C-alpha atoms as a PDB file:
ATOM      1  CA  MET A   1    -103.296 123.351 -17.133  1.00  0.00           C
ATOM      2  CA  GLN A   2    -100.265 124.224 -14.852  1.00  0.00           C
ATOM      3  CA  LYS A   3     -97.686 121.371 -14.752  1.00  0.00           C
ATOM      4  CA  TYR A   4     -95.524 121.208 -11.412  1.00  0.00           C
ATOM      5  CA  ARG A   5     -92.252 119.228 -10.897  1.00  0.00           C
ATOM      6  CA  PHE A   6     -89.874 118.644  -8.167  1.00  0.00           C
ATOM      7  CA  VAL A   7     -86.174 119.420  -8.644  1.00  0.00           C
ATOM      8  CA  SER A   8     -83.660 117.945  -6.170  1.00  0.00           C
ATOM      9  CA  LEU A   9     -80.926 120.155  -4.918  1.00  0.00           C
ATOM     10  CA  GLU A  10     -79.839 117.553  -2.133  1.00  0.00           C
ATOM     11  CA  ARG A  11     -80.446 113.919  -2.007  1.00  0.00           C
ATOM     12  CA  LYS A  12     -80.141 111.321   0.712  1.00  0.00           C
ATOM     13  CA  VAL A  13     -78.564 108.182  -0.718  1.00  0.00           C
ATOM     14  CA  TYR A  14     -79.840 104.955   0.949  1.00  0.00           C
ATOM     15  CA  PRO A  15     -78.433 101.287   0.077  1.00  0.00           C
ATOM     16  CA  ASP A  16     -81.731 100.435  -1.562  1.00  0.00           C
ATOM     17  CA  TYR A  17     -82.751 103.858  -3.111  1.00  0.00           C
ATOM     18  CA  CYS A  18     -81.893 107.178  -4.283  1.00  0.00           C
ATOM     19  CA  PHE A  19     -84.484 109.826  -5.453  1.00  0.00           C
ATOM     20  CA  PRO A  20     -84.188 111.048  -8.945  1.00  0.00           C
ATOM     21  CA  GLU A  21     -82.846 114.624  -9.711  1.00  0.00           C
ATOM     22  CA  GLU A  22     -86.189 115.538 -11.127  1.00  0.00           C
ATOM     23  CA  MET A  23     -89.712 114.296 -11.039  1.00  0.00           C
ATOM     24  CA  PRO A  24     -93.215 115.411 -12.148  1.00  0.00           C
ATOM     25  CA  ILE A  25     -95.766 115.859  -9.512  1.00  0.00           C
ATOM     26  CA  GLY A  26     -98.810 116.607 -11.333  1.00  0.00           C
ATOM     27  CA  GLU A  27    -101.220 119.551 -12.269  1.00  0.00           C
ATOM     28  CA  SER A  28    -102.010 120.683  -8.694  1.00  0.00           C
ATOM     29  CA  LEU A  29    -100.460 121.392  -5.428  1.00  0.00           C
ATOM     30  CA  ASP A  30    -103.428 120.576  -3.338  1.00  0.00           C
ATOM     31  CA  GLY A  31    -102.953 118.445  -0.334  1.00  0.00           C
ATOM     32  CA  SER A  32    -102.951 118.242   3.471  1.00  0.00           C
ATOM     33  CA  ARG A  33    -102.409 121.860   4.645  1.00  0.00           C
ATOM     34  CA  GLY A  34    -100.409 122.480   7.881  1.00  0.00           C
ATOM     35  CA  GLY A  35     -99.219 125.804   9.397  1.00  0.00           C
ATOM     36  CA  MET A  36     -96.691 126.557   6.972  1.00  0.00           C
ATOM     37  CA  ALA A  37     -96.617 123.833   4.398  1.00  0.00           C
ATOM     38  CA  VAL A  38     -98.849 121.686   2.055  1.00  0.00           C
ATOM     39  CA  THR A  39     -98.058 117.831   2.084  1.00  0.00           C
ATOM     40  CA  ARG A  40     -98.984 116.319  -1.211  1.00  0.00           C
ATOM     41  CA  SER A  41     -99.000 112.615  -2.103  1.00  0.00           C
ATOM     42  CA  LEU A  42     -96.871 111.272  -4.824  1.00  0.00           C
ATOM     43  CA  GLY A  43     -97.976 107.762  -4.591  1.00  0.00           C
ATOM     44  CA  MET A  44     -95.867 104.792  -5.076  1.00  0.00           C
ATOM     45  CA  LYS A  45     -92.622 105.447  -7.072  1.00  0.00           C
ATOM     46  CA  GLN A  46     -90.353 102.912  -8.619  1.00  0.00           C
ATOM     47  CA  GLY A  47     -87.944 101.572  -6.185  1.00  0.00           C
ATOM     48  CA  LEU A  48     -89.751 102.724  -3.149  1.00  0.00           C
ATOM     49  CA  SER A  49     -91.164 100.237  -0.427  1.00  0.00           C
ATOM     50  CA  LYS A  50     -93.678 102.894   0.784  1.00  0.00           C
ATOM     51  CA  ASN A  51     -95.644 105.751  -0.848  1.00  0.00           C
ATOM     52  CA  ALA A  52     -93.721 109.196  -1.118  1.00  0.00           C
ATOM     53  CA  VAL A  53     -95.091 112.605  -0.196  1.00  0.00           C
ATOM     54  CA  VAL A  54     -93.689 116.097  -1.026  1.00  0.00           C
ATOM     55  CA  LYS A  55     -93.748 118.818   1.658  1.00  0.00           C
ATOM     56  CA  ILE A  56     -94.043 122.331   0.115  1.00  0.00           C
ATOM     57  CA  LEU A  57     -93.933 125.597   1.615  1.00  0.00           C
ATOM     58  CA  SER A  58     -97.503 126.887   1.722  1.00  0.00           C
ATOM     59  CA  THR A  59     -98.431 128.584  -1.551  1.00  0.00           C
ATOM     60  CA  SER A  60     -99.970 131.410   0.550  1.00  0.00           C
ATOM     61  CA  ALA A  61     -96.330 132.411   0.811  1.00  0.00           C
ATOM     62  CA  GLU A  62     -94.771 134.641  -1.739  1.00  0.00           C
ATOM     63  CA  ASN A  63     -93.300 132.566  -4.530  1.00  0.00           C
ATOM     64  CA  VAL A  64     -90.191 133.705  -6.416  1.00  0.00           C
ATOM     65  CA  GLU A  65     -88.409 133.071  -9.518  1.00  0.00           C
ATOM     66  CA  SER A  66     -86.514 129.800  -9.424  1.00  0.00           C
ATOM     67  CA  ASP A  67     -82.930 131.157  -9.697  1.00  0.00           C
ATOM     68  CA  GLU A  68     -83.726 132.960  -6.331  1.00  0.00           C
ATOM     69  CA  VAL A  69     -84.377 129.858  -4.513  1.00  0.00           C
ATOM     70  CA  LEU A  70     -80.874 129.030  -3.560  1.00  0.00           C
ATOM     71  CA  ARG A  71     -80.387 132.524  -2.017  1.00  0.00           C
ATOM     72  CA  LEU A  72     -83.478 132.240  -0.002  1.00  0.00           C
ATOM     73  CA  PHE A  73     -82.588 128.972   1.475  1.00  0.00           C
ATOM     74  CA  SER A  74     -80.107 130.634   3.793  1.00  0.00           C
ATOM     75  CA  LEU A  75     -82.572 133.048   5.254  1.00  0.00           C
ATOM     76  CA  PRO A  76     -83.842 132.415   8.897  1.00  0.00           C
ATOM     77  CA  CYS A  77     -87.490 131.900   7.976  1.00  0.00           C
ATOM     78  CA  ALA A  78     -89.782 129.309   6.922  1.00  0.00           C
ATOM     79  CA  TRP A  79     -87.643 128.449   3.911  1.00  0.00           C
ATOM     80  CA  ARG A  80     -84.797 127.518   6.164  1.00  0.00           C
ATOM     81  CA  GLY A  81     -87.262 125.552   8.532  1.00  0.00           C
ATOM     82  CA  LEU A  82     -88.336 123.355   5.670  1.00  0.00           C
ATOM     83  CA  HIS A  83     -84.649 122.573   4.941  1.00  0.00           C
ATOM     84  CA  GLN A  84     -83.954 121.912   8.694  1.00  0.00           C
ATOM     85  CA  GLU A  85     -86.885 119.366   8.871  1.00  0.00           C
ATOM     86  CA  TYR A  86     -85.242 117.606   5.920  1.00  0.00           C
ATOM     87  CA  VAL A  87     -81.993 117.537   7.427  1.00  0.00           C
ATOM     88  CA  THR A  88     -83.381 116.093  10.719  1.00  0.00           C
ATOM     89  CA  LEU A  89     -85.290 113.453   9.088  1.00  0.00           C
ATOM     90  CA  ALA A  90     -82.088 112.438   7.082  1.00  0.00           C
ATOM     91  CA  GLU A  91     -80.245 112.256  10.279  1.00  0.00           C
ATOM     92  CA  LEU A  92     -82.844 110.125  12.159  1.00  0.00           C
ATOM     93  CA  ASN A  93     -82.503 107.733   9.060  1.00  0.00           C
ATOM     94  CA  GLY A  94     -86.160 106.410   9.364  1.00  0.00           C
ATOM     95  CA  LEU A  95     -85.789 105.557  13.203  1.00  0.00           C
ATOM     96  CA  GLY A  96     -85.947 101.780  12.307  1.00  0.00           C
ATOM     97  CA  GLY A  97     -89.078 102.226  10.328  1.00  0.00           C
ATOM     98  CA  HIS A  98     -90.828 104.580  12.913  1.00  0.00           C
ATOM     99  CA  ALA A  99     -90.271 107.874  11.051  1.00  0.00           C
ATOM    100  CA  PRO A 100     -90.385 108.926   7.530  1.00  0.00           C
ATOM    101  CA  ARG A 101     -86.961 108.618   5.636  1.00  0.00           C
ATOM    102  CA  ALA A 102     -86.016 111.839   3.981  1.00  0.00           C
ATOM    103  CA  TYR A 103     -85.278 111.434   0.245  1.00  0.00           C
ATOM    104  CA  ALA A 104     -84.551 114.715  -1.356  1.00  0.00           C
ATOM    105  CA  TYR A 105     -84.594 118.430  -0.659  1.00  0.00           C
ATOM    106  CA  GLY A 106     -85.221 121.041  -3.474  1.00  0.00           C
ATOM    107  CA  ALA A 107     -87.879 123.031  -5.012  1.00  0.00           C
ATOM    108  CA  VAL A 108     -91.316 122.547  -6.701  1.00  0.00           C
ATOM    109  CA  VAL A 109     -90.931 124.514  -9.996  1.00  0.00           C
ATOM    110  CA  TRP A 110     -93.552 125.546 -12.576  1.00  0.00           C
ATOM    111  CA  GLU A 111     -93.704 128.165 -15.566  1.00  0.00           C
ATOM    112  CA  ASP A 112     -95.429 131.495 -14.900  1.00  0.00           C
ATOM    113  CA  GLY A 113     -95.328 133.298 -18.237  1.00  0.00           C
ATOM    114  CA  PRO A 114     -91.814 133.793 -19.585  1.00  0.00           C
ATOM    115  CA  ALA A 115     -90.322 133.054 -15.931  1.00  0.00           C
ATOM    116  CA  GLU A 116     -90.152 129.857 -13.767  1.00  0.00           C
ATOM    117  CA  LYS A 117     -91.527 130.189 -10.334  1.00  0.00           C
ATOM    118  CA  ALA A 118     -90.546 127.980  -7.273  1.00  0.00           C
ATOM    119  CA  LEU A 119     -91.248 126.977  -3.710  1.00  0.00           C
ATOM    120  CA  PRO A 120     -88.971 125.058  -1.456  1.00  0.00           C
ATOM    121  CA  ALA A 121     -89.986 121.633  -0.770  1.00  0.00           C
ATOM    122  CA  PHE A 122     -88.653 118.117   0.152  1.00  0.00           C
ATOM    123  CA  VAL A 123     -89.750 114.426  -0.454  1.00  0.00           C
ATOM    124  CA  MET A 124     -90.195 111.833   2.197  1.00  0.00           C
ATOM    125  CA  GLU A 125     -91.767 108.551   2.939  1.00  0.00           C
ATOM    126  CA  ASP A 126     -95.451 108.668   3.539  1.00  0.00           C
ATOM    127  CA  MET A 127     -95.915 107.058   6.996  1.00  0.00           C
ATOM    128  CA  ARG A 128     -99.866 108.064   6.855  1.00  0.00           C
ATOM    129  CA  ALA A 129    -100.806 105.384   4.194  1.00  0.00           C
ATOM    130  CA  LYS A 130    -103.177 102.765   5.265  1.00  0.00           C
ATOM    131  CA  PRO A 131    -103.320 100.675   7.249  1.00  0.00           C
ATOM    132  CA  SER A 132    -101.731 103.323   9.754  1.00  0.00           C
ATOM    133  CA  ARG A 133    -104.055 105.993  10.900  1.00  0.00           C
ATOM    134  CA  PRO A 134    -103.784 108.895  13.454  1.00  0.00           C
ATOM    135  CA  LEU A 135    -103.970 107.898  16.950  1.00  0.00           C
ATOM    136  CA  ASP A 136    -106.651 110.587  17.609  1.00  0.00           C
ATOM    137  CA  GLU A 137    -108.840 108.822  14.983  1.00  0.00           C
ATOM    138  CA  VAL A 138    -108.369 105.415  16.331  1.00  0.00           C
ATOM    139  CA  MET A 139    -109.242 106.627  19.877  1.00  0.00           C
ATOM    140  CA  ARG A 140    -112.486 108.346  18.857  1.00  0.00           C
ATOM    141  CA  GLU A 141    -113.435 104.804  17.529  1.00  0.00           C
ATOM    142  CA  ARG A 142    -112.517 103.225  20.872  1.00  0.00           C
ATOM    143  CA  ARG A 143    -114.338 105.199  23.468  1.00  0.00           C
ATOM    144  CA  GLY A 144    -113.974 102.431  25.844  1.00  0.00           C
ATOM    145  CA  GLY A 145    -110.126 102.566  25.571  1.00  0.00           C
ATOM    146  CA  PHE A 146    -107.727  99.629  24.865  1.00  0.00           C
ATOM    147  CA  PRO A 147    -106.980  96.461  27.144  1.00  0.00           C
ATOM    148  CA  ALA A 148    -104.191  97.236  29.498  1.00  0.00           C
ATOM    149  CA  PRO A 149    -101.618  95.146  27.749  1.00  0.00           C
ATOM    150  CA  ALA A 150    -102.502  96.747  24.400  1.00  0.00           C
ATOM    151  CA  ALA A 151    -102.017 100.164  25.896  1.00  0.00           C
ATOM    152  CA  ALA A 152     -98.796  99.237  27.571  1.00  0.00           C
ATOM    153  CA  ALA A 153     -97.408  97.872  24.274  1.00  0.00           C
ATOM    154  CA  PHE A 154     -98.106 101.179  22.555  1.00  0.00           C
ATOM    155  CA  GLY A 155     -96.560 103.239  25.376  1.00  0.00           C
ATOM    156  CA  THR A 156     -93.497 100.996  25.135  1.00  0.00           C
ATOM    157  CA  GLN A 157     -93.166 101.368  21.428  1.00  0.00           C
ATOM    158  CA  LEU A 158     -93.725 105.260  21.643  1.00  0.00           C
ATOM    159  CA  LEU A 159     -91.127 105.444  24.421  1.00  0.00           C
ATOM    160  CA  ASP A 160     -88.702 103.518  22.355  1.00  0.00           C
ATOM    161  CA  ILE A 161     -89.351 105.851  19.424  1.00  0.00           C
ATOM    162  CA  ILE A 162     -88.584 108.789  21.895  1.00  0.00           C
ATOM    163  CA  LEU A 163     -85.305 107.210  23.142  1.00  0.00           C
ATOM    164  CA  ARG A 164     -84.096 106.493  19.538  1.00  0.00           C
ATOM    165  CA  GLN A 165     -84.567 110.315  18.764  1.00  0.00           C
ATOM    166  CA  GLU A 166     -82.637 111.276  21.873  1.00  0.00           C
ATOM    167  CA  LYS A 167     -79.639 109.097  20.923  1.00  0.00           C
ATOM    168  CA  CYS A 168     -79.764 110.977  17.637  1.00  0.00           C
ATOM    169  CA  GLY A 169     -79.757 114.184  19.569  1.00  0.00           C
ATOM    170  CA  VAL A 170     -83.280 115.215  18.495  1.00  0.00           C
ATOM    171  CA  THR A 171     -86.323 116.249  20.409  1.00  0.00           C
ATOM    172  CA  HIS A 172     -89.678 116.121  18.378  1.00  0.00           C
ATOM    173  CA  ALA A 173     -90.989 119.033  20.192  1.00  0.00           C
ATOM    174  CA  ASP A 174     -94.614 118.628  18.934  1.00  0.00           C
ATOM    175  CA  LEU A 175     -95.775 115.044  19.813  1.00  0.00           C
ATOM    176  CA  SER A 176     -99.620 114.815  19.770  1.00  0.00           C
ATOM    177  CA  SER A 177    -102.258 112.392  18.771  1.00  0.00           C
ATOM    178  CA  LYS A 178    -102.278 113.806  15.393  1.00  0.00           C
ATOM    179  CA  ASN A 179     -98.521 113.284  14.776  1.00  0.00           C
ATOM    180  CA  VAL A 180     -98.500 109.784  15.913  1.00  0.00           C
ATOM    181  CA  PHE A 181     -99.762 107.229  13.553  1.00  0.00           C
ATOM    182  CA  VAL A 182    -100.542 103.552  14.469  1.00  0.00           C
ATOM    183  CA  HIS A 183    -101.401 100.366  12.710  1.00  0.00           C
ATOM    184  CA  VAL A 184    -103.871  98.641  14.927  1.00  0.00           C
ATOM    185  CA  SER A 185    -105.425  95.140  14.212  1.00  0.00           C
ATOM    186  CA  GLY A 186    -108.216  93.545  16.019  1.00  0.00           C
ATOM    187  CA  VAL A 187    -110.420  96.390  15.992  1.00  0.00           C
ATOM    188  CA  PRO A 188    -113.153  96.680  17.309  1.00  0.00           C
ATOM    189  CA  ASP A 189    -112.208  93.572  19.412  1.00  0.00           C
ATOM    190  CA  ASP A 190    -109.104  93.476  21.550  1.00  0.00           C
ATOM    191  CA  GLY A 191    -107.160  95.728  19.476  1.00  0.00           C
ATOM    192  CA  VAL A 192    -103.296  95.087  19.018  1.00  0.00           C
ATOM    193  CA  PHE A 193    -100.831  97.956  18.088  1.00  0.00           C
ATOM    194  CA  GLU A 194     -98.684  96.284  15.382  1.00  0.00           C
ATOM    195  CA  GLY A 195     -96.891  99.566  14.576  1.00  0.00           C
ATOM    196  CA  VAL A 196     -96.403 103.195  15.997  1.00  0.00           C
ATOM    197  CA  TYR A 197     -94.824 105.992  13.757  1.00  0.00           C
ATOM    198  CA  VAL A 198     -94.236 109.366  14.179  1.00  0.00           C
ATOM    199  CA  ILE A 199     -94.566 112.190  11.577  1.00  0.00           C
ATOM    200  CA  ASP A 200     -94.275 116.076  11.351  1.00  0.00           C
ATOM    201  CA  TYR A 201     -90.681 117.133  12.586  1.00  0.00           C
ATOM    202  CA  GLY A 202     -91.293 120.665  11.570  1.00  0.00           C
ATOM    203  CA  GLN A 203     -90.767 121.935  14.980  1.00  0.00           C
ATOM    204  CA  ALA A 204     -88.035 119.321  16.051  1.00  0.00           C
ATOM    205  CA  LYS A 205     -85.129 120.649  18.131  1.00  0.00           C
ATOM    206  CA  TYR A 206     -81.480 119.446  18.826  1.00  0.00           C
ATOM    207  CA  SER A 207     -81.733 118.126  22.258  1.00  0.00           C
ATOM    208  CA  GLY A 208     -78.809 120.172  23.509  1.00  0.00           C
ATOM    209  CA  ALA A 209     -79.783 123.583  22.029  1.00  0.00           C
ATOM    210  CA  GLY A 210     -81.158 124.824  25.451  1.00  0.00           C
ATOM    211  CA  VAL A 211     -84.614 125.670  24.064  1.00  0.00           C
ATOM    212  CA  THR A 212     -86.956 128.320  25.886  1.00  0.00           C
ATOM    213  CA  PRO A 213     -90.442 127.906  24.859  1.00  0.00           C
ATOM    214  CA  SER A 214     -92.332 130.528  22.929  1.00  0.00           C
ATOM    215  CA  LEU A 215     -95.221 130.607  20.482  1.00  0.00           C
ATOM    216  CA  GLY A 216     -93.057 131.205  17.420  1.00  0.00           C
ATOM    217  CA  GLY A 217     -93.130 128.844  14.481  1.00  0.00           C
ATOM    218  CA  GLY A 218     -90.790 125.985  13.357  1.00  0.00           C
ATOM    219  CA  HIS A 219     -86.987 125.942  13.582  1.00  0.00           C
ATOM    220  CA  ALA A 220     -86.740 129.782  13.357  1.00  0.00           C
ATOM    221  CA  THR A 221     -87.894 130.229  16.894  1.00  0.00           C
ATOM    222  CA  PRO A 222     -87.706 127.870  20.102  1.00  0.00           C
ATOM    223  CA  ARG A 223     -91.250 126.727  20.085  1.00  0.00           C
ATOM    224  CA  LEU A 224     -92.222 123.716  22.024  1.00  0.00           C
ATOM    225  CA  ALA A 225     -95.603 121.949  21.183  1.00  0.00           C
ATOM    226  CA  THR A 226     -98.784 123.003  19.387  1.00  0.00           C
ATOM    227  CA  ILE A 227    -100.895 125.210  21.646  1.00  0.00           C
ATOM    228  CA  SER A 228    -103.951 122.666  21.675  1.00  0.00           C
ATOM    229  CA  TYR A 229    -101.687 120.057  22.928  1.00  0.00           C
ATOM    230  CA  GLY A 230     -98.937 121.551  25.034  1.00  0.00           C
ATOM    231  CA  ALA A 231     -98.799 121.796  28.827  1.00  0.00           C
ATOM    232  CA  PRO A 232     -99.971 125.217  29.820  1.00  0.00           C
ATOM    233  CA  GLU A 233     -96.939 125.807  32.117  1.00  0.00           C
ATOM    234  CA  ILE A 234     -94.393 125.726  29.046  1.00  0.00           C
ATOM    235  CA  PHE A 235     -96.192 128.785  27.471  1.00  0.00           C
ATOM    236  CA  PRO A 236     -94.970 131.842  29.276  1.00  0.00           C
ATOM    237  CA  PHE A 237     -97.334 134.334  28.058  1.00  0.00           C
ATOM    238  CA  ASN A 238    -100.567 136.199  28.896  1.00  0.00           C
ATOM    239  CA  TRP A 239    -103.572 134.137  28.090  1.00  0.00           C
ATOM    240  CA  ASP A 240    -105.889 137.115  28.030  1.00  0.00           C
ATOM    241  CA  ASP A 241    -103.784 138.472  25.194  1.00  0.00           C
ATOM    242  CA  TYR A 242    -103.844 135.240  23.129  1.00  0.00           C
ATOM    243  CA  GLU A 243    -106.240 135.359  20.147  1.00  0.00           C
ATOM    244  CA  ASP A 244    -107.102 131.824  19.890  1.00  0.00           C
ATOM    245  CA  LYS A 245    -110.524 131.547  21.430  1.00  0.00           C
ATOM    246  CA  SER A 246    -110.986 127.782  20.662  1.00  0.00           C
ATOM    247  CA  VAL A 247    -112.356 125.321  23.462  1.00  0.00           C
ATOM    248  CA  SER A 248    -108.951 123.668  23.637  1.00  0.00           C
ATOM    249  CA  ALA A 249    -107.351 127.231  24.228  1.00  0.00           C
ATOM    250  CA  ARG A 250    -109.922 128.204  26.885  1.00  0.00           C
ATOM    251  CA  GLU A 251    -109.407 124.840  28.708  1.00  0.00           C
ATOM    252  CA  LEU A 252    -105.724 125.287  28.763  1.00  0.00           C
ATOM    253  CA  LYS A 253    -106.202 129.039  29.961  1.00  0.00           C
ATOM    254  CA  ASP A 254    -108.235 127.561  32.891  1.00  0.00           C
ATOM    255  CA  CYS A 255    -105.512 124.978  33.784  1.00  0.00           C
ATOM    256  CA  TYR A 256    -102.876 127.662  33.617  1.00  0.00           C
ATOM    257  CA  GLU A 257    -104.749 129.881  36.009  1.00  0.00           C
END
């Protein structure tokens, strides 16, 4: 059975915690798969107040021998985008408990015959752990919506998070009901938003960077929003040429026209 471990190359030191230089992460890289990365739970580690997760460049990407990792970090591609997400989270410093704290950046390493292979990765807090859940999941359960005071409280908390980001010079660039997690008590009765959290800063941009929207991915290109959630006017392209034939894409095409 293959054994994987995380090796730190950079670590964010907090007053209450510093991630170790190396940590075993198990016998599998299975986890929640996104466009360019897999997020795998590490569970609760000693010294942490929340569970931790490791975000790993997708195993569909070509992995390389571990001594090549540092050289590849400098390339303007997904490798560098993953590092930039770590840097962004480190600068946000948890946003007062509303965003994941970044712990360490490095690589997931494993043996492959006589050589070691590696994929870039970083470790952060897990804001997805219960009782928090994605906003879209909560809204599906609440088809009748929330009382006005609860909705206003949610909006106020989310706006406060956005303002905190702006003060750090960061724009999330991919806010959606899947990237906003909430802790709601009183469901299915009145519903009270006790916590609002934002995850997935993989497309985050610096606010003063002068971004022009495109359909490129991550930090390597100036993309704003996931196609299914973005306002149609920010995607300057020919909808007839777009390959995504999903319902959400067709609805956006109708709005755009």
